[in-house]
């Protein structure tokens, strides 16, 4: 398949079912696949390791760094990277 600039794009299946149930290990596995993630892309891989009395946001805060960048239209884009 061709990407937006005509270069080839590799599409790989990445399932939360095959990730470790330990949050710290899971985040290592997630960031081994891609260096940065949007919150919307990251949440499906995180929600099932949220513990009792914990929120997905608190888990992200503990295991990631949030960076803000300018998007192609000048909008703010928030990306999560490994801590």
PDB file of N, CA and C in Angstrom:
ATOM      1  N   UNK A   1       0.846  -1.168   0.000  1.00  0.00           N
ATOM      2  CA  UNK A   1       0.000   0.000   0.000  1.00  0.00           C
ATOM      3  C   UNK A   1       0.895   1.236   0.000  1.00  0.00           C
ATOM      4  N   UNK A   2       0.447   2.286  -0.701  1.00  0.00           N
ATOM      5  CA  UNK A   2       1.216   3.515  -0.810  1.00  0.00           C
ATOM      6  C   UNK A   2       0.742   4.532   0.223  1.00  0.00           C
ATOM      7  N   UNK A   3       1.692   5.233   0.834  1.00  0.00           N
ATOM      8  CA  UNK A   3       1.389   6.286   1.795  1.00  0.00           C
ATOM      9  C   UNK A   3       1.097   7.592   1.091  1.00  0.00           C
ATOM     10  N   UNK A   4       0.857   8.673   1.836  1.00  0.00           N
ATOM     11  CA  UNK A   4       0.491   9.969   1.253  1.00  0.00           C
ATOM     12  C   UNK A   4       1.586  10.571   0.384  1.00  0.00           C
ATOM     13  N   UNK A   5       2.826  10.204   0.601  1.00  0.00           N
ATOM     14  CA  UNK A   5       3.931  10.740  -0.205  1.00  0.00           C
ATOM     15  C   UNK A   5       4.394   9.739  -1.256  1.00  0.00           C
ATOM     16  N   UNK A   6       3.620   8.697  -1.477  1.00  0.00           N
ATOM     17  CA  UNK A   6       3.960   7.707  -2.486  1.00  0.00           C
ATOM     18  C   UNK A   6       4.881   6.606  -2.003  1.00  0.00           C
ATOM     19  N   UNK A   7       5.366   6.705  -0.769  1.00  0.00           N
ATOM     20  CA  UNK A   7       6.227   5.650  -0.241  1.00  0.00           C
ATOM     21  C   UNK A   7       5.381   4.503   0.294  1.00  0.00           C
ATOM     22  N   UNK A   8       5.978   3.341   0.419  1.00  0.00           N
ATOM     23  CA  UNK A   8       5.228   2.185   0.891  1.00  0.00           C
ATOM     24  C   UNK A   8       4.972   2.273   2.389  1.00  0.00           C
ATOM     25  N   UNK A   9       3.812   1.793   2.801  1.00  0.00           N
ATOM     26  CA  UNK A   9       3.406   1.791   4.201  1.00  0.00           C
ATOM     27  C   UNK A   9       3.173   0.351   4.619  1.00  0.00           C
ATOM     28  N   UNK A  10       3.743  -0.039   5.750  1.00  0.00           N
ATOM     29  CA  UNK A  10       3.537  -1.372   6.297  1.00  0.00           C
ATOM     30  C   UNK A  10       2.411  -1.308   7.309  1.00  0.00           C
ATOM     31  N   UNK A  11       1.415  -2.126   7.126  1.00  0.00           N
ATOM     32  CA  UNK A  11       0.299  -2.205   8.070  1.00  0.00           C
ATOM     33  C   UNK A  11       0.460  -3.502   8.849  1.00  0.00           C
ATOM     34  N   UNK A  12       0.448  -3.367  10.176  1.00  0.00           N
ATOM     35  CA  UNK A  12       0.702  -4.514  11.043  1.00  0.00           C
ATOM     36  C   UNK A  12      -0.425  -4.616  12.070  1.00  0.00           C
ATOM     37  N   UNK A  13      -0.948  -5.812  12.283  1.00  0.00           N
ATOM     38  CA  UNK A  13      -1.976  -6.024  13.294  1.00  0.00           C
ATOM     39  C   UNK A  13      -1.344  -5.893  14.677  1.00  0.00           C
ATOM     40  N   UNK A  14      -2.010  -5.133  15.542  1.00  0.00           N
ATOM     41  CA  UNK A  14      -1.515  -4.903  16.897  1.00  0.00           C
ATOM     42  C   UNK A  14      -2.706  -5.020  17.828  1.00  0.00           C
ATOM     43  N   UNK A  15      -2.797  -6.122  18.545  1.00  0.00           N
ATOM     44  CA  UNK A  15      -3.965  -6.413  19.363  1.00  0.00           C
ATOM     45  C   UNK A  15      -3.656  -6.294  20.855  1.00  0.00           C
ATOM     46  N   UNK A  16      -4.554  -5.645  21.590  1.00  0.00           N
ATOM     47  CA  UNK A  16      -4.403  -5.517  23.042  1.00  0.00           C
ATOM     48  C   UNK A  16      -4.462  -6.880  23.722  1.00  0.00           C
ATOM     49  N   UNK A  17      -5.115  -7.844  23.100  1.00  0.00           N
ATOM     50  CA  UNK A  17      -5.236  -9.188  23.670  1.00  0.00           C
ATOM     51  C   UNK A  17      -3.885  -9.870  23.855  1.00  0.00           C
ATOM     52  N   UNK A  18      -2.889  -9.467  23.076  1.00  0.00           N
ATOM     53  CA  UNK A  18      -1.584 -10.111  23.132  1.00  0.00           C
ATOM     54  C   UNK A  18      -0.563  -9.321  23.958  1.00  0.00           C
ATOM     55  N   UNK A  19      -1.019  -8.264  24.631  1.00  0.00           N
ATOM     56  CA  UNK A  19      -0.123  -7.452  25.447  1.00  0.00           C
ATOM     57  C   UNK A  19      -0.137  -7.926  26.896  1.00  0.00           C
ATOM     58  N   UNK A  20       0.943  -7.668  27.593  1.00  0.00           N
ATOM     59  CA  UNK A  20       1.083  -8.044  28.992  1.00  0.00           C
ATOM     60  C   UNK A  20       0.025  -7.339  29.840  1.00  0.00           C
ATOM     61  N   UNK A  21      -0.420  -7.973  30.908  1.00  0.00           N
ATOM     62  CA  UNK A  21      -1.428  -7.377  31.785  1.00  0.00           C
ATOM     63  C   UNK A  21      -0.823  -6.445  32.835  1.00  0.00           C
ATOM     64  N   UNK A  22       0.503  -6.464  32.989  1.00  0.00           N
ATOM     65  CA  UNK A  22       1.198  -5.532  33.872  1.00  0.00           C
ATOM     66  C   UNK A  22       1.335  -4.193  33.135  1.00  0.00           C
ATOM     67  N   UNK A  23       0.864  -3.108  33.756  1.00  0.00           N
ATOM     68  CA  UNK A  23       0.818  -1.803  33.090  1.00  0.00           C
ATOM     69  C   UNK A  23       2.196  -1.345  32.610  1.00  0.00           C
ATOM     70  N   UNK A  24       3.209  -1.444  33.456  1.00  0.00           N
ATOM     71  CA  UNK A  24       4.549  -0.979  33.084  1.00  0.00           C
ATOM     72  C   UNK A  24       5.070  -1.731  31.858  1.00  0.00           C
ATOM     73  N   UNK A  25       4.904  -3.036  31.867  1.00  0.00           N
ATOM     74  CA  UNK A  25       5.351  -3.863  30.743  1.00  0.00           C
ATOM     75  C   UNK A  25       4.527  -3.564  29.503  1.00  0.00           C
ATOM     76  N   UNK A  26       3.238  -3.366  29.690  1.00  0.00           N
ATOM     77  CA  UNK A  26       2.369  -3.068  28.547  1.00  0.00           C
ATOM     78  C   UNK A  26       2.799  -1.780  27.853  1.00  0.00           C
ATOM     79  N   UNK A  27       3.098  -0.746  28.628  1.00  0.00           N
ATOM     80  CA  UNK A  27       3.528   0.509  28.013  1.00  0.00           C
ATOM     81  C   UNK A  27       4.842   0.330  27.255  1.00  0.00           C
ATOM     82  N   UNK A  28       5.755  -0.489  27.767  1.00  0.00           N
ATOM     83  CA  UNK A  28       6.993  -0.777  27.040  1.00  0.00           C
ATOM     84  C   UNK A  28       6.678  -1.440  25.703  1.00  0.00           C
ATOM     85  N   UNK A  29       5.734  -2.384  25.728  1.00  0.00           N
ATOM     86  CA  UNK A  29       5.358  -3.080  24.497  1.00  0.00           C
ATOM     87  C   UNK A  29       4.695  -2.120  23.500  1.00  0.00           C
ATOM     88  N   UNK A  30       3.858  -1.238  24.012  1.00  0.00           N
ATOM     89  CA  UNK A  30       3.162  -0.273  23.147  1.00  0.00           C
ATOM     90  C   UNK A  30       4.166   0.666  22.479  1.00  0.00           C
ATOM     91  N   UNK A  31       5.085   1.224  23.279  1.00  0.00           N
ATOM     92  CA  UNK A  31       6.031   2.176  22.717  1.00  0.00           C
ATOM     93  C   UNK A  31       7.127   1.510  21.892  1.00  0.00           C
ATOM     94  N   UNK A  32       7.247   0.194  21.969  1.00  0.00           N
ATOM     95  CA  UNK A  32       8.147  -0.525  21.064  1.00  0.00           C
ATOM     96  C   UNK A  32       7.559  -0.552  19.648  1.00  0.00           C
ATOM     97  N   UNK A  33       6.242  -0.403  19.546  1.00  0.00           N
ATOM     98  CA  UNK A  33       5.572  -0.409  18.246  1.00  0.00           C
ATOM     99  C   UNK A  33       5.615   0.961  17.564  1.00  0.00           C
ATOM    100  N   UNK A  34       5.497   2.017  18.357  1.00  0.00           N
ATOM    101  CA  UNK A  34       5.535   3.385  17.827  1.00  0.00           C
ATOM    102  C   UNK A  34       6.035   4.301  18.936  1.00  0.00           C
ATOM    103  N   UNK A  35       6.828   5.297  18.571  1.00  0.00           N
ATOM    104  CA  UNK A  35       7.442   6.183  19.556  1.00  0.00           C
ATOM    105  C   UNK A  35       6.453   7.154  20.189  1.00  0.00           C
ATOM    106  N   UNK A  36       5.421   7.531  19.459  1.00  0.00           N
ATOM    107  CA  UNK A  36       4.436   8.465  20.011  1.00  0.00           C
ATOM    108  C   UNK A  36       3.037   8.070  19.567  1.00  0.00           C
ATOM    109  N   UNK A  37       2.065   8.400  20.427  1.00  0.00           N
ATOM    110  CA  UNK A  37       0.680   8.017  20.206  1.00  0.00           C
ATOM    111  C   UNK A  37      -0.232   9.179  20.586  1.00  0.00           C
ATOM    112  N   UNK A  38      -1.337   9.321  19.887  1.00  0.00           N
ATOM    113  CA  UNK A  38      -2.381  10.239  20.342  1.00  0.00           C
ATOM    114  C   UNK A  38      -3.160   9.532  21.445  1.00  0.00           C
ATOM    115  N   UNK A  39      -3.868  10.288  22.243  1.00  0.00           N
ATOM    116  CA  UNK A  39      -4.645   9.686  23.330  1.00  0.00           C
ATOM    117  C   UNK A  39      -5.702   8.735  22.769  1.00  0.00           C
ATOM    118  N   UNK A  40      -6.362   9.142  21.697  1.00  0.00           N
ATOM    119  CA  UNK A  40      -7.402   8.288  21.101  1.00  0.00           C
ATOM    120  C   UNK A  40      -6.837   6.958  20.605  1.00  0.00           C
ATOM    121  N   UNK A  41      -5.632   6.983  20.063  1.00  0.00           N
ATOM    122  CA  UNK A  41      -5.014   5.747  19.576  1.00  0.00           C
ATOM    123  C   UNK A  41      -4.489   4.886  20.713  1.00  0.00           C
ATOM    124  N   UNK A  42      -4.076   5.506  21.807  1.00  0.00           N
ATOM    125  CA  UNK A  42      -3.470   4.795  22.929  1.00  0.00           C
ATOM    126  C   UNK A  42      -4.494   4.145  23.870  1.00  0.00           C
ATOM    127  N   UNK A  43      -5.616   4.802  24.093  1.00  0.00           N
ATOM    128  CA  UNK A  43      -6.595   4.329  25.083  1.00  0.00           C
ATOM    129  C   UNK A  43      -7.081   2.895  24.889  1.00  0.00           C
ATOM    130  N   UNK A  44      -7.358   2.434  23.670  1.00  0.00           N
ATOM    131  CA  UNK A  44      -7.831   1.046  23.535  1.00  0.00           C
ATOM    132  C   UNK A  44      -6.848   0.004  24.065  1.00  0.00           C
ATOM    133  N   UNK A  45      -5.571   0.349  24.107  1.00  0.00           N
ATOM    134  CA  UNK A  45      -4.553  -0.579  24.593  1.00  0.00           C
ATOM    135  C   UNK A  45      -4.319  -0.465  26.097  1.00  0.00           C
ATOM    136  N   UNK A  46      -4.951   0.519  26.730  1.00  0.00           N
ATOM    137  CA  UNK A  46      -4.690   0.824  28.133  1.00  0.00           C
ATOM    138  C   UNK A  46      -5.886   0.536  29.044  1.00  0.00           C
ATOM    139  N   UNK A  47      -7.099   0.662  28.534  1.00  0.00           N
ATOM    140  CA  UNK A  47      -8.292   0.622  29.391  1.00  0.00           C
ATOM    141  C   UNK A  47      -8.429  -0.657  30.208  1.00  0.00           C
ATOM    142  N   UNK A  48      -7.957  -1.783  29.692  1.00  0.00           N
ATOM    143  CA  UNK A  48      -8.138  -3.025  30.448  1.00  0.00           C
ATOM    144  C   UNK A  48      -7.081  -3.257  31.520  1.00  0.00           C
ATOM    145  N   UNK A  49      -6.111  -2.338  31.685  1.00  0.00           N
ATOM    146  CA  UNK A  49      -5.150  -2.460  32.785  1.00  0.00           C
ATOM    147  C   UNK A  49      -5.349  -1.359  33.834  1.00  0.00           C
ATOM    148  N   UNK A  50      -6.431  -0.598  33.690  1.00  0.00           N
ATOM    149  CA  UNK A  50      -6.760   0.417  34.685  1.00  0.00           C
ATOM    150  C   UNK A  50      -7.265  -0.295  35.932  1.00  0.00           C
ATOM    151  N   UNK A  51      -6.628  -0.032  37.057  1.00  0.00           N
ATOM    152  CA  UNK A  51      -6.979  -0.704  38.303  1.00  0.00           C
ATOM    153  C   UNK A  51      -8.147  -0.051  39.007  1.00  0.00           C
ATOM    154  N   UNK A  52      -8.657  -0.692  40.063  1.00  0.00           N
ATOM    155  CA  UNK A  52      -9.755  -0.131  40.843  1.00  0.00           C
ATOM    156  C   UNK A  52      -9.337   1.205  41.460  1.00  0.00           C
ATOM    157  N   UNK A  53     -10.213   2.184  41.372  1.00  0.00           N
ATOM    158  CA  UNK A  53      -9.939   3.501  41.920  1.00  0.00           C
ATOM    159  C   UNK A  53      -8.950   4.307  41.092  1.00  0.00           C
ATOM    160  N   UNK A  54      -8.617   3.821  39.917  1.00  0.00           N
ATOM    161  CA  UNK A  54      -7.652   4.483  39.047  1.00  0.00           C
ATOM    162  C   UNK A  54      -8.365   4.890  37.763  1.00  0.00           C
ATOM    163  N   UNK A  55      -7.876   5.914  37.096  1.00  0.00           N
ATOM    164  CA  UNK A  55      -8.444   6.317  35.812  1.00  0.00           C
ATOM    165  C   UNK A  55      -7.407   6.095  34.714  1.00  0.00           C
ATOM    166  N   UNK A  56      -7.868   6.048  33.488  1.00  0.00           N
ATOM    167  CA  UNK A  56      -6.947   5.917  32.356  1.00  0.00           C
ATOM    168  C   UNK A  56      -5.996   7.107  32.320  1.00  0.00           C
ATOM    169  N   UNK A  57      -6.495   8.304  32.641  1.00  0.00           N
ATOM    170  CA  UNK A  57      -5.641   9.493  32.648  1.00  0.00           C
ATOM    171  C   UNK A  57      -4.523   9.379  33.681  1.00  0.00           C
ATOM    172  N   UNK A  58      -4.825   8.844  34.863  1.00  0.00           N
ATOM    173  CA  UNK A  58      -3.776   8.705  35.883  1.00  0.00           C
ATOM    174  C   UNK A  58      -2.732   7.677  35.452  1.00  0.00           C
ATOM    175  N   UNK A  59      -3.172   6.639  34.757  1.00  0.00           N
ATOM    176  CA  UNK A  59      -2.244   5.641  34.245  1.00  0.00           C
ATOM    177  C   UNK A  59      -1.335   6.253  33.170  1.00  0.00           C
ATOM    178  N   UNK A  60      -1.911   7.073  32.296  1.00  0.00           N
ATOM    179  CA  UNK A  60      -1.121   7.756  31.276  1.00  0.00           C
ATOM    180  C   UNK A  60      -0.118   8.709  31.920  1.00  0.00           C
ATOM    181  N   UNK A  61      -0.558   9.415  32.943  1.00  0.00           N
ATOM    182  CA  UNK A  61       0.316  10.352  33.644  1.00  0.00           C
ATOM    183  C   UNK A  61       1.508   9.630  34.266  1.00  0.00           C
ATOM    184  N   UNK A  62       1.270   8.453  34.797  1.00  0.00           N
ATOM    185  CA  UNK A  62       2.324   7.689  35.471  1.00  0.00           C
ATOM    186  C   UNK A  62       3.331   7.078  34.488  1.00  0.00           C
ATOM    187  N   UNK A  63       2.859   6.635  33.318  1.00  0.00           N
ATOM    188  CA  UNK A  63       3.709   5.844  32.423  1.00  0.00           C
ATOM    189  C   UNK A  63       4.122   6.540  31.126  1.00  0.00           C
ATOM    190  N   UNK A  64       3.658   7.773  30.901  1.00  0.00           N
ATOM    191  CA  UNK A  64       3.981   8.449  29.645  1.00  0.00           C
ATOM    192  C   UNK A  64       4.393   9.897  29.892  1.00  0.00           C
ATOM    193  N   UNK A  65       4.867  10.517  28.839  1.00  0.00           N
ATOM    194  CA  UNK A  65       5.112  11.966  28.818  1.00  0.00           C
ATOM    195  C   UNK A  65       4.190  12.553  27.765  1.00  0.00           C
ATOM    196  N   UNK A  66       3.589  13.663  28.086  1.00  0.00           N
ATOM    197  CA  UNK A  66       2.718  14.361  27.140  1.00  0.00           C
ATOM    198  C   UNK A  66       3.512  15.486  26.491  1.00  0.00           C
ATOM    199  N   UNK A  67       3.519  15.500  25.170  1.00  0.00           N
ATOM    200  CA  UNK A  67       4.153  16.591  24.440  1.00  0.00           C
ATOM    201  C   UNK A  67       3.101  17.275  23.585  1.00  0.00           C
ATOM    202  N   UNK A  68       3.288  18.563  23.414  1.00  0.00           N
ATOM    203  CA  UNK A  68       2.377  19.347  22.568  1.00  0.00           C
ATOM    204  C   UNK A  68       3.161  19.840  21.367  1.00  0.00           C
ATOM    205  N   UNK A  69       2.582  19.636  20.191  1.00  0.00           N
ATOM    206  CA  UNK A  69       3.218  20.065  18.953  1.00  0.00           C
ATOM    207  C   UNK A  69       2.206  20.788  18.095  1.00  0.00           C
ATOM    208  N   UNK A  70       2.698  21.510  17.132  1.00  0.00           N
ATOM    209  CA  UNK A  70       1.815  22.163  16.166  1.00  0.00           C
ATOM    210  C   UNK A  70       1.503  21.177  15.055  1.00  0.00           C
ATOM    211  N   UNK A  71       0.217  21.057  14.733  1.00  0.00           N
ATOM    212  CA  UNK A  71      -0.202  20.202  13.640  1.00  0.00           C
ATOM    213  C   UNK A  71      -0.047  20.905  12.307  1.00  0.00           C
ATOM    214  N   UNK A  72      -0.394  20.231  11.221  1.00  0.00           N
ATOM    215  CA  UNK A  72      -0.211  20.802   9.887  1.00  0.00           C
ATOM    216  C   UNK A  72      -1.039  22.064   9.632  1.00  0.00           C
ATOM    217  N   UNK A  73      -2.109  22.243  10.376  1.00  0.00           N
ATOM    218  CA  UNK A  73      -2.964  23.429  10.210  1.00  0.00           C
ATOM    219  C   UNK A  73      -2.768  24.428  11.342  1.00  0.00           C
ATOM    220  N   UNK A  74      -1.691  24.263  12.119  1.00  0.00           N
ATOM    221  CA  UNK A  74      -1.392  25.166  13.215  1.00  0.00           C
ATOM    222  C   UNK A  74      -2.084  24.823  14.523  1.00  0.00           C
ATOM    223  N   UNK A  75      -2.881  23.766  14.527  1.00  0.00           N
ATOM    224  CA  UNK A  75      -3.586  23.357  15.755  1.00  0.00           C
ATOM    225  C   UNK A  75      -2.642  22.620  16.690  1.00  0.00           C
ATOM    226  N   UNK A  76      -2.988  22.599  17.962  1.00  0.00           N
ATOM    227  CA  UNK A  76      -2.177  21.881  18.941  1.00  0.00           C
ATOM    228  C   UNK A  76      -2.480  20.388  18.848  1.00  0.00           C
ATOM    229  N   UNK A  77      -1.417  19.609  18.749  1.00  0.00           N
ATOM    230  CA  UNK A  77      -1.526  18.151  18.711  1.00  0.00           C
ATOM    231  C   UNK A  77      -0.833  17.615  19.954  1.00  0.00           C
ATOM    232  N   UNK A  78      -1.547  16.814  20.735  1.00  0.00           N
ATOM    233  CA  UNK A  78      -0.983  16.207  21.948  1.00  0.00           C
ATOM    234  C   UNK A  78      -0.580  14.784  21.655  1.00  0.00           C
ATOM    235  N   UNK A  79       0.669  14.474  21.960  1.00  0.00           N
ATOM    236  CA  UNK A  79       1.196  13.136  21.731  1.00  0.00           C
ATOM    237  C   UNK A  79       1.804  12.584  23.004  1.00  0.00           C
ATOM    238  N   UNK A  80       1.605  11.308  23.223  1.00  0.00           N
ATOM    239  CA  UNK A  80       2.155  10.626  24.381  1.00  0.00           C
ATOM    240  C   UNK A  80       3.371   9.832  23.953  1.00  0.00           C
ATOM    241  N   UNK A  81       4.453   9.939  24.727  1.00  0.00           N
ATOM    242  CA  UNK A  81       5.689   9.202  24.449  1.00  0.00           C
ATOM    243  C   UNK A  81       6.095   8.439  25.719  1.00  0.00           C
ATOM    244  N   UNK A  82       7.064   7.545  25.569  1.00  0.00           N
ATOM    245  CA  UNK A  82       7.521   6.752  26.712  1.00  0.00           C
ATOM    246  C   UNK A  82       8.184   7.644  27.744  1.00  0.00           C
ATOM    247  N   UNK A  83       8.006   7.291  29.014  1.00  0.00           N
ATOM    248  CA  UNK A  83       8.622   8.029  30.109  1.00  0.00           C
ATOM    249  C   UNK A  83      10.058   7.602  30.283  1.00  0.00           C
TER     250      UNK A  83
END
